[in-house]
Amino acid sequence: MRRNLRRLLKSFPMEFESDFSQSEEYKSFRCTVPLRQIVVDNDALKVWKLYDAGPRCVRCPLICLPPVSGTADSFYKQMLPLTARGYRVISVEYPVYWSVNEWCEGFRRLLDILEIDRAHILGASLGGFLAQKFAELTSNCPRVASLILCNSFTDTKVFNYVDSAPVFWMLPATLLKKMIIGRFPRKLMDAQIADSIDFMVERLDSLSQSELASRMTLNCFASYVEPQKVQVEVTILDVFDESALSHSVKEELYKCYPTARLAHLKTGGNFPFLSRAEEVNIYILVHLRGYDGTNLSASDTGTPVDR
């Protein structure tokens, strides 16, 4: 049995270093791209953490939003390859927010501080849900250029924790972590998928009780997307093998965006942006290249024209 599967069955916390976090690729990323911390609210404790790589002159970058267990470095396998092609990529880690509307207002302020007019958003699971809600809530004054939804959903009721969500704030971190990893597979799997779980469990260990509780609240408190208000181009990226989301949840996402571009991976698990990074990056490039040379380009190549 893979090491990560044994780890999932043990108690928190424990000393652990994943193969991905010890890789030369990850070390190169951490040495190359500095971690920034930005306060956007009156509460100085609400600190957004982010990695910002690529040409700063780009005003419509790709912004990556992680899943419940993710941190700002979760998309390191996207940042260096995409920025090497001239794209600006920002990966963020959100502070403690207890409602979707509060999160969206904080994210809007972050874009203002970064002087970003609009953004292409790659969101994984909870990150994808929040990206859709932000596009919905800013539809009258658009801040979202397009969406890439990775293993995401449109209705929080799919997790069956709607009734419990109001009390997440008082639950111990150990219990919250067990609730999250309970949706990870425990069967044998290929090395890259297993390593991606190792890495994300390691990220999970770094989050505080309040961070975990707030993310679980956003993920499970009764809320749903109104897709008719999400008037942007969408690429749906998901996997055919086992993940935390059922086939019916994926089908519902397809129905909400019938004109979306579908990017399917045969395998990849919960975190294909890590386990199948090269394939995922190709789909991201295909999505972004459609905007090259326009005022919504995420790169500094080409001459902007109206779109």
C-alpha atoms as a PDB file:
ATOM      1  CA  MET A   1       0.000   0.000   0.000  1.00  0.00           C
ATOM      2  CA  ARG A   2       1.272   3.457  -0.863  1.00  0.00           C
ATOM      3  CA  ARG A   3       2.644   5.619   1.954  1.00  0.00           C
ATOM      4  CA  ASN A   4      -0.061   8.242   1.518  1.00  0.00           C
ATOM      5  CA  LEU A   5      -2.796   5.665   2.094  1.00  0.00           C
ATOM      6  CA  ARG A   6      -1.255   4.630   5.390  1.00  0.00           C
ATOM      7  CA  ARG A   7      -0.999   8.310   6.313  1.00  0.00           C
ATOM      8  CA  LEU A   8      -4.681   8.960   5.711  1.00  0.00           C
ATOM      9  CA  LEU A   9      -5.570   6.330   8.297  1.00  0.00           C
ATOM     10  CA  LYS A  10      -3.424   7.882  11.024  1.00  0.00           C
ATOM     11  CA  SER A  11      -4.077  10.752  13.399  1.00  0.00           C
ATOM     12  CA  PHE A  12      -2.970  14.347  12.963  1.00  0.00           C
ATOM     13  CA  PRO A  13      -0.561  15.977  13.373  1.00  0.00           C
ATOM     14  CA  MET A  14       2.579  14.144  12.263  1.00  0.00           C
ATOM     15  CA  GLU A  15       5.895  14.995  10.672  1.00  0.00           C
ATOM     16  CA  PHE A  16       5.732  14.415   6.939  1.00  0.00           C
ATOM     17  CA  GLU A  17       7.353  15.569   3.716  1.00  0.00           C
ATOM     18  CA  SER A  18       5.823  14.599   0.375  1.00  0.00           C
ATOM     19  CA  ASP A  19       7.823  13.624  -2.674  1.00  0.00           C
ATOM     20  CA  PHE A  20       6.431  16.621  -4.583  1.00  0.00           C
ATOM     21  CA  SER A  21       7.495  19.123  -1.925  1.00  0.00           C
ATOM     22  CA  GLN A  22      10.999  17.630  -1.958  1.00  0.00           C
ATOM     23  CA  SER A  23      11.263  17.681  -5.759  1.00  0.00           C
ATOM     24  CA  GLU A  24      13.640  19.970  -7.647  1.00  0.00           C
ATOM     25  CA  GLU A  25      10.658  21.420  -9.523  1.00  0.00           C
ATOM     26  CA  TYR A  26       8.982  22.557  -6.305  1.00  0.00           C
ATOM     27  CA  LYS A  27      12.219  23.867  -4.836  1.00  0.00           C
ATOM     28  CA  SER A  28      12.852  25.820  -8.037  1.00  0.00           C
ATOM     29  CA  PHE A  29       9.365  27.321  -7.821  1.00  0.00           C
ATOM     30  CA  ARG A  30       9.831  28.393  -4.209  1.00  0.00           C
ATOM     31  CA  CYS A  31      13.242  29.917  -4.981  1.00  0.00           C
ATOM     32  CA  THR A  32      11.971  31.725  -8.076  1.00  0.00           C
ATOM     33  CA  VAL A  33       8.550  33.075  -7.099  1.00  0.00           C
ATOM     34  CA  PRO A  34       8.243  34.998  -3.807  1.00  0.00           C
ATOM     35  CA  LEU A  35       5.239  34.584  -1.532  1.00  0.00           C
ATOM     36  CA  ARG A  36       3.319  37.838  -1.088  1.00  0.00           C
ATOM     37  CA  GLN A  37       0.918  38.683   1.727  1.00  0.00           C
ATOM     38  CA  ILE A  38      -1.788  41.302   1.221  1.00  0.00           C
ATOM     39  CA  VAL A  39      -4.380  42.658   3.652  1.00  0.00           C
ATOM     40  CA  VAL A  40      -7.509  43.894   1.887  1.00  0.00           C
ATOM     41  CA  ASP A  41      -9.929  44.352   4.811  1.00  0.00           C
ATOM     42  CA  ASN A  42      -9.940  46.479   7.959  1.00  0.00           C
ATOM     43  CA  ASP A  43      -9.144  43.286   9.869  1.00  0.00           C
ATOM     44  CA  ALA A  44      -5.361  42.953   9.659  1.00  0.00           C
ATOM     45  CA  LEU A  45      -5.669  39.243  10.423  1.00  0.00           C
ATOM     46  CA  LYS A  46      -7.337  38.636   7.048  1.00  0.00           C
ATOM     47  CA  VAL A  47      -4.227  38.090   4.955  1.00  0.00           C
ATOM     48  CA  TRP A  48      -4.372  36.882   1.367  1.00  0.00           C
ATOM     49  CA  LYS A  49      -1.276  34.906   0.413  1.00  0.00           C
ATOM     50  CA  LEU A  50      -0.296  34.656  -3.225  1.00  0.00           C
ATOM     51  CA  TYR A  51       2.367  33.840  -5.762  1.00  0.00           C
ATOM     52  CA  ASP A  52       2.428  36.218  -8.725  1.00  0.00           C
ATOM     53  CA  ALA A  53       4.604  35.189 -11.681  1.00  0.00           C
ATOM     54  CA  GLY A  54       4.912  36.422 -15.246  1.00  0.00           C
ATOM     55  CA  PRO A  55       4.689  39.883 -16.838  1.00  0.00           C
ATOM     56  CA  ARG A  56       3.184  42.384 -14.385  1.00  0.00           C
ATOM     57  CA  CYS A  57       1.971  44.546 -17.260  1.00  0.00           C
ATOM     58  CA  VAL A  58      -0.762  41.972 -17.963  1.00  0.00           C
ATOM     59  CA  ARG A  59      -4.059  43.251 -16.522  1.00  0.00           C
ATOM     60  CA  CYS A  60      -6.076  40.073 -17.193  1.00  0.00           C
ATOM     61  CA  PRO A  61      -4.009  37.209 -15.732  1.00  0.00           C
ATOM     62  CA  LEU A  62      -4.899  33.632 -14.887  1.00  0.00           C
ATOM     63  CA  ILE A  63      -5.761  33.376 -11.188  1.00  0.00           C
ATOM     64  CA  CYS A  64      -5.771  29.929  -9.546  1.00  0.00           C
ATOM     65  CA  LEU A  65      -8.088  29.180  -6.619  1.00  0.00           C
ATOM     66  CA  PRO A  66      -7.305  26.005  -4.610  1.00  0.00           C
ATOM     67  CA  PRO A  67      -9.665  23.389  -3.152  1.00  0.00           C
ATOM     68  CA  VAL A  68     -10.502  23.140   0.562  1.00  0.00           C
ATOM     69  CA  SER A  69      -7.187  21.471   1.386  1.00  0.00           C
ATOM     70  CA  GLY A  70      -5.068  23.697  -0.857  1.00  0.00           C
ATOM     71  CA  THR A  71      -2.640  26.534  -0.235  1.00  0.00           C
ATOM     72  CA  ALA A  72      -1.137  29.134  -2.567  1.00  0.00           C
ATOM     73  CA  ASP A  73       1.567  26.744  -3.759  1.00  0.00           C
ATOM     74  CA  SER A  74      -0.893  24.051  -4.862  1.00  0.00           C
ATOM     75  CA  PHE A  75      -0.621  25.184  -8.495  1.00  0.00           C
ATOM     76  CA  TYR A  76       3.175  25.298  -8.665  1.00  0.00           C
ATOM     77  CA  LYS A  77       3.119  22.835 -11.579  1.00  0.00           C
ATOM     78  CA  GLN A  78       1.156  25.383 -13.612  1.00  0.00           C
ATOM     79  CA  MET A  79       2.980  28.584 -12.699  1.00  0.00           C
ATOM     80  CA  LEU A  80       6.484  28.062 -14.078  1.00  0.00           C
ATOM     81  CA  PRO A  81       5.492  26.275 -17.343  1.00  0.00           C
ATOM     82  CA  LEU A  82       2.804  28.864 -18.174  1.00  0.00           C
ATOM     83  CA  THR A  83       4.872  31.902 -17.258  1.00  0.00           C
ATOM     84  CA  ALA A  84       7.696  30.504 -19.409  1.00  0.00           C
ATOM     85  CA  ARG A  85       5.265  30.947 -22.325  1.00  0.00           C
ATOM     86  CA  GLY A  86       4.617  34.587 -21.454  1.00  0.00           C
ATOM     87  CA  TYR A  87       1.482  34.237 -19.326  1.00  0.00           C
ATOM     88  CA  ARG A  88       0.917  35.931 -15.994  1.00  0.00           C
ATOM     89  CA  VAL A  89      -0.290  33.436 -13.395  1.00  0.00           C
ATOM     90  CA  ILE A  90      -1.351  34.196  -9.819  1.00  0.00           C
ATOM     91  CA  SER A  91      -2.105  31.475  -7.281  1.00  0.00           C
ATOM     92  CA  VAL A  92      -3.893  32.608  -4.130  1.00  0.00           C
ATOM     93  CA  GLU A  93      -4.674  31.330  -0.655  1.00  0.00           C
ATOM     94  CA  TYR A  94      -7.681  32.882   1.015  1.00  0.00           C
ATOM     95  CA  PRO A  95      -7.946  34.120   4.609  1.00  0.00           C
ATOM     96  CA  VAL A  96     -10.808  33.313   6.950  1.00  0.00           C
ATOM     97  CA  TYR A  97     -14.214  34.256   5.536  1.00  0.00           C
ATOM     98  CA  TRP A  98     -17.495  32.794   6.770  1.00  0.00           C
ATOM     99  CA  SER A  99     -19.803  33.553   3.838  1.00  0.00           C
ATOM    100  CA  VAL A 100     -19.558  33.431   0.056  1.00  0.00           C
ATOM    101  CA  ASN A 101     -20.561  37.094  -0.265  1.00  0.00           C
ATOM    102  CA  GLU A 102     -17.867  38.114   2.219  1.00  0.00           C
ATOM    103  CA  TRP A 103     -15.292  36.070   0.302  1.00  0.00           C
ATOM    104  CA  CYS A 104     -16.331  37.617  -3.018  1.00  0.00           C
ATOM    105  CA  GLU A 105     -16.016  41.128  -1.590  1.00  0.00           C
ATOM    106  CA  GLY A 106     -12.543  40.302  -0.269  1.00  0.00           C
ATOM    107  CA  PHE A 107     -11.501  38.860  -3.620  1.00  0.00           C
ATOM    108  CA  ARG A 108     -12.794  41.958  -5.436  1.00  0.00           C
ATOM    109  CA  ARG A 109     -10.693  44.154  -3.162  1.00  0.00           C
ATOM    110  CA  LEU A 110      -7.668  41.962  -3.828  1.00  0.00           C
ATOM    111  CA  LEU A 111      -8.096  42.461  -7.589  1.00  0.00           C
ATOM    112  CA  ASP A 112      -8.359  46.214  -7.020  1.00  0.00           C
ATOM    113  CA  ILE A 113      -5.134  46.307  -5.004  1.00  0.00           C
ATOM    114  CA  LEU A 114      -3.356  44.237  -7.659  1.00  0.00           C
ATOM    115  CA  GLU A 115      -4.761  46.599 -10.330  1.00  0.00           C
ATOM    116  CA  ILE A 116      -6.343  43.707 -12.183  1.00  0.00           C
ATOM    117  CA  ASP A 117      -9.266  44.744 -14.356  1.00  0.00           C
ATOM    118  CA  ARG A 118     -10.527  41.255 -15.145  1.00  0.00           C
ATOM    119  CA  ALA A 119      -9.147  37.771 -14.675  1.00  0.00           C
ATOM    120  CA  HIS A 120      -9.341  34.289 -16.100  1.00  0.00           C
ATOM    121  CA  ILE A 121      -9.942  32.000 -13.129  1.00  0.00           C
ATOM    122  CA  LEU A 122      -8.882  28.382 -12.724  1.00  0.00           C
ATOM    123  CA  GLY A 123     -10.748  26.992  -9.736  1.00  0.00           C
ATOM    124  CA  ALA A 124     -10.455  23.495  -8.275  1.00  0.00           C
ATOM    125  CA  SER A 125     -13.426  22.086  -6.341  1.00  0.00           C
ATOM    126  CA  LEU A 126     -14.270  24.807  -3.757  1.00  0.00           C
ATOM    127  CA  GLY A 127     -12.094  27.214  -5.759  1.00  0.00           C
ATOM    128  CA  GLY A 128     -14.249  26.519  -8.817  1.00  0.00           C
ATOM    129  CA  PHE A 129     -17.449  27.075  -6.865  1.00  0.00           C
ATOM    130  CA  LEU A 130     -16.178  30.400  -5.503  1.00  0.00           C
ATOM    131  CA  ALA A 131     -15.051  31.433  -8.983  1.00  0.00           C
ATOM    132  CA  GLN A 132     -18.565  30.813 -10.319  1.00  0.00           C
ATOM    133  CA  LYS A 133     -20.141  32.766  -7.462  1.00  0.00           C
ATOM    134  CA  PHE A 134     -17.755  35.669  -8.037  1.00  0.00           C
ATOM    135  CA  ALA A 135     -18.632  35.703 -11.744  1.00  0.00           C
ATOM    136  CA  GLU A 136     -22.324  35.595 -10.808  1.00  0.00           C
ATOM    137  CA  LEU A 137     -22.163  38.356  -8.204  1.00  0.00           C
ATOM    138  CA  THR A 138     -20.093  40.681 -10.424  1.00  0.00           C
ATOM    139  CA  SER A 139     -22.110  40.043 -13.590  1.00  0.00           C
ATOM    140  CA  ASN A 140     -23.346  43.664 -13.685  1.00  0.00           C
ATOM    141  CA  CYS A 141     -19.747  44.921 -13.591  1.00  0.00           C
ATOM    142  CA  PRO A 142     -17.749  41.961 -14.930  1.00  0.00           C
ATOM    143  CA  ARG A 143     -14.441  41.104 -13.288  1.00  0.00           C
ATOM    144  CA  VAL A 144     -14.195  37.572 -14.695  1.00  0.00           C
ATOM    145  CA  ALA A 145     -13.001  37.047 -18.267  1.00  0.00           C
ATOM    146  CA  SER A 146     -13.442  33.256 -18.337  1.00  0.00           C
ATOM    147  CA  LEU A 147     -13.533  30.184 -16.110  1.00  0.00           C
ATOM    148  CA  ILE A 148     -11.696  26.870 -16.004  1.00  0.00           C
ATOM    149  CA  LEU A 149     -13.518  24.606 -13.555  1.00  0.00           C
ATOM    150  CA  CYS A 150     -11.543  21.599 -12.305  1.00  0.00           C
ATOM    151  CA  ASN A 151     -13.521  18.856 -10.514  1.00  0.00           C
ATOM    152  CA  SER A 152     -15.987  21.500  -9.375  1.00  0.00           C
ATOM    153  CA  PHE A 153     -19.686  21.779  -8.509  1.00  0.00           C
ATOM    154  CA  THR A 154     -22.619  24.217  -8.544  1.00  0.00           C
ATOM    155  CA  ASP A 155     -24.495  23.351  -5.330  1.00  0.00           C
ATOM    156  CA  THR A 156     -22.989  22.794  -1.871  1.00  0.00           C
ATOM    157  CA  LYS A 157     -25.693  20.308  -0.897  1.00  0.00           C
ATOM    158  CA  VAL A 158     -23.759  17.576  -2.751  1.00  0.00           C
ATOM    159  CA  PHE A 159     -21.505  17.199   0.316  1.00  0.00           C
ATOM    160  CA  ASN A 160     -24.412  16.406   2.671  1.00  0.00           C
ATOM    161  CA  TYR A 161     -23.111  18.724   5.395  1.00  0.00           C
ATOM    162  CA  VAL A 162     -25.571  21.602   4.974  1.00  0.00           C
ATOM    163  CA  ASP A 163     -27.136  21.033   8.403  1.00  0.00           C
ATOM    164  CA  SER A 164     -23.731  20.749  10.107  1.00  0.00           C
ATOM    165  CA  ALA A 165     -22.086  23.740   8.410  1.00  0.00           C
ATOM    166  CA  PRO A 166     -23.209  26.344  11.015  1.00  0.00           C
ATOM    167  CA  VAL A 167     -21.224  24.565  13.755  1.00  0.00           C
ATOM    168  CA  PHE A 168     -17.987  23.972  11.855  1.00  0.00           C
ATOM    169  CA  TRP A 169     -16.456  27.034  13.530  1.00  0.00           C
ATOM    170  CA  MET A 170     -16.356  25.203  16.889  1.00  0.00           C
ATOM    171  CA  LEU A 171     -15.079  21.807  15.719  1.00  0.00           C
ATOM    172  CA  PRO A 172     -11.460  20.837  16.467  1.00  0.00           C
ATOM    173  CA  ALA A 173      -8.971  20.890  13.588  1.00  0.00           C
ATOM    174  CA  THR A 174      -8.387  17.138  13.825  1.00  0.00           C
ATOM    175  CA  LEU A 175     -12.051  16.392  13.168  1.00  0.00           C
ATOM    176  CA  LEU A 176     -12.241  18.872  10.304  1.00  0.00           C
ATOM    177  CA  LYS A 177      -9.176  17.289   8.684  1.00  0.00           C
ATOM    178  CA  LYS A 178     -10.692  13.831   9.002  1.00  0.00           C
ATOM    179  CA  MET A 179     -13.878  15.069   7.337  1.00  0.00           C
ATOM    180  CA  ILE A 180     -11.830  16.353   4.396  1.00  0.00           C
ATOM    181  CA  ILE A 181      -9.551  13.338   3.934  1.00  0.00           C
ATOM    182  CA  GLY A 182     -12.536  11.049   4.325  1.00  0.00           C
ATOM    183  CA  ARG A 183     -13.370  11.898   0.710  1.00  0.00           C
ATOM    184  CA  PHE A 184      -9.903  10.896  -0.526  1.00  0.00           C
ATOM    185  CA  PRO A 185      -9.601   7.394  -2.053  1.00  0.00           C
ATOM    186  CA  ARG A 186      -7.822   4.715  -0.039  1.00  0.00           C
ATOM    187  CA  LYS A 187      -7.347   2.110  -2.744  1.00  0.00           C
ATOM    188  CA  LEU A 188      -4.171   1.415  -4.687  1.00  0.00           C
ATOM    189  CA  MET A 189      -3.414   4.042  -7.314  1.00  0.00           C
ATOM    190  CA  ASP A 190      -0.624   5.103  -9.637  1.00  0.00           C
ATOM    191  CA  ALA A 191       2.387   6.941  -8.245  1.00  0.00           C
ATOM    192  CA  GLN A 192       1.515  10.439  -9.503  1.00  0.00           C
ATOM    193  CA  ILE A 193      -2.015  10.384  -8.071  1.00  0.00           C
ATOM    194  CA  ALA A 194      -0.690   9.031  -4.770  1.00  0.00           C
ATOM    195  CA  ASP A 195       1.993  11.728  -4.681  1.00  0.00           C
ATOM    196  CA  SER A 196      -0.609  14.422  -5.363  1.00  0.00           C
ATOM    197  CA  ILE A 197      -2.600  13.242  -2.339  1.00  0.00           C
ATOM    198  CA  ASP A 198       0.566  13.242  -0.224  1.00  0.00           C
ATOM    199  CA  PHE A 199       1.262  16.836  -1.241  1.00  0.00           C
ATOM    200  CA  MET A 200      -2.274  18.060  -0.556  1.00  0.00           C
ATOM    201  CA  VAL A 201      -2.470  16.291   2.805  1.00  0.00           C
ATOM    202  CA  GLU A 202       0.777  18.057   3.654  1.00  0.00           C
ATOM    203  CA  ARG A 203      -0.855  21.364   2.695  1.00  0.00           C
ATOM    204  CA  LEU A 204      -3.864  20.446   4.829  1.00  0.00           C
ATOM    205  CA  ASP A 205      -1.593  20.001   7.849  1.00  0.00           C
ATOM    206  CA  SER A 206      -0.404  23.603   7.489  1.00  0.00           C
ATOM    207  CA  LEU A 207      -3.886  25.139   7.847  1.00  0.00           C
ATOM    208  CA  SER A 208      -5.173  26.405  11.188  1.00  0.00           C
ATOM    209  CA  GLN A 209      -8.476  25.418  12.791  1.00  0.00           C
ATOM    210  CA  SER A 210     -10.125  28.706  11.768  1.00  0.00           C
ATOM    211  CA  GLU A 211      -8.883  28.382   8.177  1.00  0.00           C
ATOM    212  CA  LEU A 212     -10.197  24.832   7.935  1.00  0.00           C
ATOM    213  CA  ALA A 213     -13.516  25.705   9.580  1.00  0.00           C
ATOM    214  CA  SER A 214     -14.112  28.709   7.328  1.00  0.00           C
ATOM    215  CA  ARG A 215     -13.306  26.747   4.176  1.00  0.00           C
ATOM    216  CA  MET A 216     -15.563  23.890   5.205  1.00  0.00           C
ATOM    217  CA  THR A 217     -18.305  26.434   5.911  1.00  0.00           C
ATOM    218  CA  LEU A 218     -17.919  27.992   2.444  1.00  0.00           C
ATOM    219  CA  ASN A 219     -17.854  24.500   0.935  1.00  0.00           C
ATOM    220  CA  CYS A 220     -20.942  23.174   2.719  1.00  0.00           C
ATOM    221  CA  PHE A 221     -23.204  26.050   3.830  1.00  0.00           C
ATOM    222  CA  ALA A 222     -26.384  26.093   1.717  1.00  0.00           C
ATOM    223  CA  SER A 223     -25.543  27.923  -1.507  1.00  0.00           C
ATOM    224  CA  TYR A 224     -25.807  27.355  -5.229  1.00  0.00           C
ATOM    225  CA  VAL A 225     -24.718  28.956  -8.481  1.00  0.00           C
ATOM    226  CA  GLU A 226     -27.152  30.711 -10.802  1.00  0.00           C
ATOM    227  CA  PRO A 227     -25.479  29.766 -14.103  1.00  0.00           C
ATOM    228  CA  GLN A 228     -27.630  32.117 -16.185  1.00  0.00           C
ATOM    229  CA  LYS A 229     -25.720  34.970 -14.534  1.00  0.00           C
ATOM    230  CA  VAL A 230     -22.313  33.482 -15.348  1.00  0.00           C
ATOM    231  CA  GLN A 231     -21.973  35.019 -18.810  1.00  0.00           C
ATOM    232  CA  VAL A 232     -18.395  34.015 -19.612  1.00  0.00           C
ATOM    233  CA  GLU A 233     -16.667  31.274 -21.559  1.00  0.00           C
ATOM    234  CA  VAL A 234     -16.184  28.113 -19.510  1.00  0.00           C
ATOM    235  CA  THR A 235     -13.894  25.105 -19.794  1.00  0.00           C
ATOM    236  CA  ILE A 236     -14.845  22.151 -17.605  1.00  0.00           C
ATOM    237  CA  LEU A 237     -11.871  20.002 -16.680  1.00  0.00           C
ATOM    238  CA  ASP A 238     -12.555  16.738 -14.908  1.00  0.00           C
ATOM    239  CA  VAL A 239     -11.483  13.106 -14.646  1.00  0.00           C
ATOM    240  CA  PHE A 240     -13.083   9.776 -15.478  1.00  0.00           C
ATOM    241  CA  ASP A 241     -11.544   7.896 -12.560  1.00  0.00           C
ATOM    242  CA  GLU A 242     -12.422   8.112  -8.861  1.00  0.00           C
ATOM    243  CA  SER A 243     -12.660  11.543  -7.266  1.00  0.00           C
ATOM    244  CA  ALA A 244     -14.591  13.191  -4.435  1.00  0.00           C
ATOM    245  CA  LEU A 245     -17.415  14.177  -6.801  1.00  0.00           C
ATOM    246  CA  SER A 246     -19.954  11.711  -8.117  1.00  0.00           C
ATOM    247  CA  HIS A 247     -20.890  11.303 -11.762  1.00  0.00           C
ATOM    248  CA  SER A 248     -24.261  12.955 -11.111  1.00  0.00           C
ATOM    249  CA  VAL A 249     -22.555  16.071  -9.708  1.00  0.00           C
ATOM    250  CA  LYS A 250     -20.411  16.312 -12.830  1.00  0.00           C
ATOM    251  CA  GLU A 251     -23.444  15.856 -15.064  1.00  0.00           C
ATOM    252  CA  GLU A 252     -25.195  18.714 -13.283  1.00  0.00           C
ATOM    253  CA  LEU A 253     -22.220  20.979 -13.989  1.00  0.00           C
ATOM    254  CA  TYR A 254     -22.376  20.061 -17.698  1.00  0.00           C
ATOM    255  CA  LYS A 255     -26.101  20.894 -17.767  1.00  0.00           C
ATOM    256  CA  CYS A 256     -25.475  24.310 -16.206  1.00  0.00           C
ATOM    257  CA  TYR A 257     -22.959  25.171 -18.943  1.00  0.00           C
ATOM    258  CA  PRO A 258     -24.153  23.419 -22.107  1.00  0.00           C
ATOM    259  CA  THR A 259     -21.807  25.439 -24.348  1.00  0.00           C
ATOM    260  CA  ALA A 260     -18.732  24.846 -22.200  1.00  0.00           C
ATOM    261  CA  ARG A 261     -15.593  23.304 -23.650  1.00  0.00           C
ATOM    262  CA  LEU A 262     -15.081  19.868 -22.077  1.00  0.00           C
ATOM    263  CA  ALA A 263     -11.554  18.801 -21.141  1.00  0.00           C
ATOM    264  CA  HIS A 264     -11.606  15.194 -19.946  1.00  0.00           C
ATOM    265  CA  LEU A 265      -8.743  13.247 -18.420  1.00  0.00           C
ATOM    266  CA  LYS A 266      -8.920   9.454 -18.256  1.00  0.00           C
ATOM    267  CA  THR A 267      -7.279   9.523 -14.834  1.00  0.00           C
ATOM    268  CA  GLY A 268      -6.055  12.128 -12.370  1.00  0.00           C
ATOM    269  CA  GLY A 269      -7.986  11.733  -9.130  1.00  0.00           C
ATOM    270  CA  ASN A 270      -8.971  14.730  -7.009  1.00  0.00           C
ATOM    271  CA  PHE A 271      -5.972  16.849  -7.971  1.00  0.00           C
ATOM    272  CA  PRO A 272      -5.212  16.433 -11.687  1.00  0.00           C
ATOM    273  CA  PHE A 273      -3.443  19.818 -11.748  1.00  0.00           C
ATOM    274  CA  LEU A 274      -0.742  17.977  -9.763  1.00  0.00           C
ATOM    275  CA  SER A 275      -1.026  14.359 -10.877  1.00  0.00           C
ATOM    276  CA  ARG A 276      -1.548  15.105 -14.587  1.00  0.00           C
ATOM    277  CA  ALA A 277       0.002  18.564 -14.769  1.00  0.00           C
ATOM    278  CA  GLU A 278       1.267  18.323 -18.354  1.00  0.00           C
ATOM    279  CA  GLU A 279      -2.166  17.359 -19.696  1.00  0.00           C
ATOM    280  CA  VAL A 280      -3.910  19.994 -17.593  1.00  0.00           C
ATOM    281  CA  ASN A 281      -1.460  22.669 -18.757  1.00  0.00           C
ATOM    282  CA  ILE A 282      -2.213  21.838 -22.389  1.00  0.00           C
ATOM    283  CA  TYR A 283      -5.926  22.369 -21.772  1.00  0.00           C
ATOM    284  CA  ILE A 284      -5.204  25.636 -19.963  1.00  0.00           C
ATOM    285  CA  LEU A 285      -3.074  26.852 -22.875  1.00  0.00           C
ATOM    286  CA  VAL A 286      -5.798  25.951 -25.382  1.00  0.00           C
ATOM    287  CA  HIS A 287      -8.282  27.927 -23.285  1.00  0.00           C
ATOM    288  CA  LEU A 288      -6.051  30.989 -22.864  1.00  0.00           C
ATOM    289  CA  ARG A 289      -4.766  31.113 -26.444  1.00  0.00           C
ATOM    290  CA  GLY A 290      -8.245  32.027 -27.589  1.00  0.00           C
ATOM    291  CA  TYR A 291      -7.680  35.402 -25.932  1.00  0.00           C
ATOM    292  CA  ASP A 292      -4.146  36.080 -27.189  1.00  0.00           C
ATOM    293  CA  GLY A 293      -3.921  39.389 -29.012  1.00  0.00           C
ATOM    294  CA  THR A 294      -7.098  40.736 -27.365  1.00  0.00           C
ATOM    295  CA  ASN A 295      -7.668  43.066 -24.432  1.00  0.00           C
ATOM    296  CA  LEU A 296      -8.403  39.939 -22.374  1.00  0.00           C
ATOM    297  CA  SER A 297      -5.068  38.292 -23.071  1.00  0.00           C
ATOM    298  CA  ALA A 298      -3.330  36.679 -20.097  1.00  0.00           C
ATOM    299  CA  SER A 299       0.042  37.130 -21.824  1.00  0.00           C
ATOM    300  CA  ASP A 300       2.069  40.104 -23.000  1.00  0.00           C
ATOM    301  CA  THR A 301       2.414  38.772 -26.547  1.00  0.00           C
ATOM    302  CA  GLY A 302       0.480  40.159 -29.472  1.00  0.00           C
ATOM    303  CA  THR A 303      -1.273  43.459 -30.041  1.00  0.00           C
ATOM    304  CA  PRO A 304      -4.451  43.908 -27.999  1.00  0.00           C
ATOM    305  CA  VAL A 305      -7.628  44.437 -29.961  1.00  0.00           C
ATOM    306  CA  ASP A 306     -11.231  44.739 -28.840  1.00  0.00           C
ATOM    307  CA  ARG A 307     -12.973  41.466 -28.101  1.00  0.00           C
END
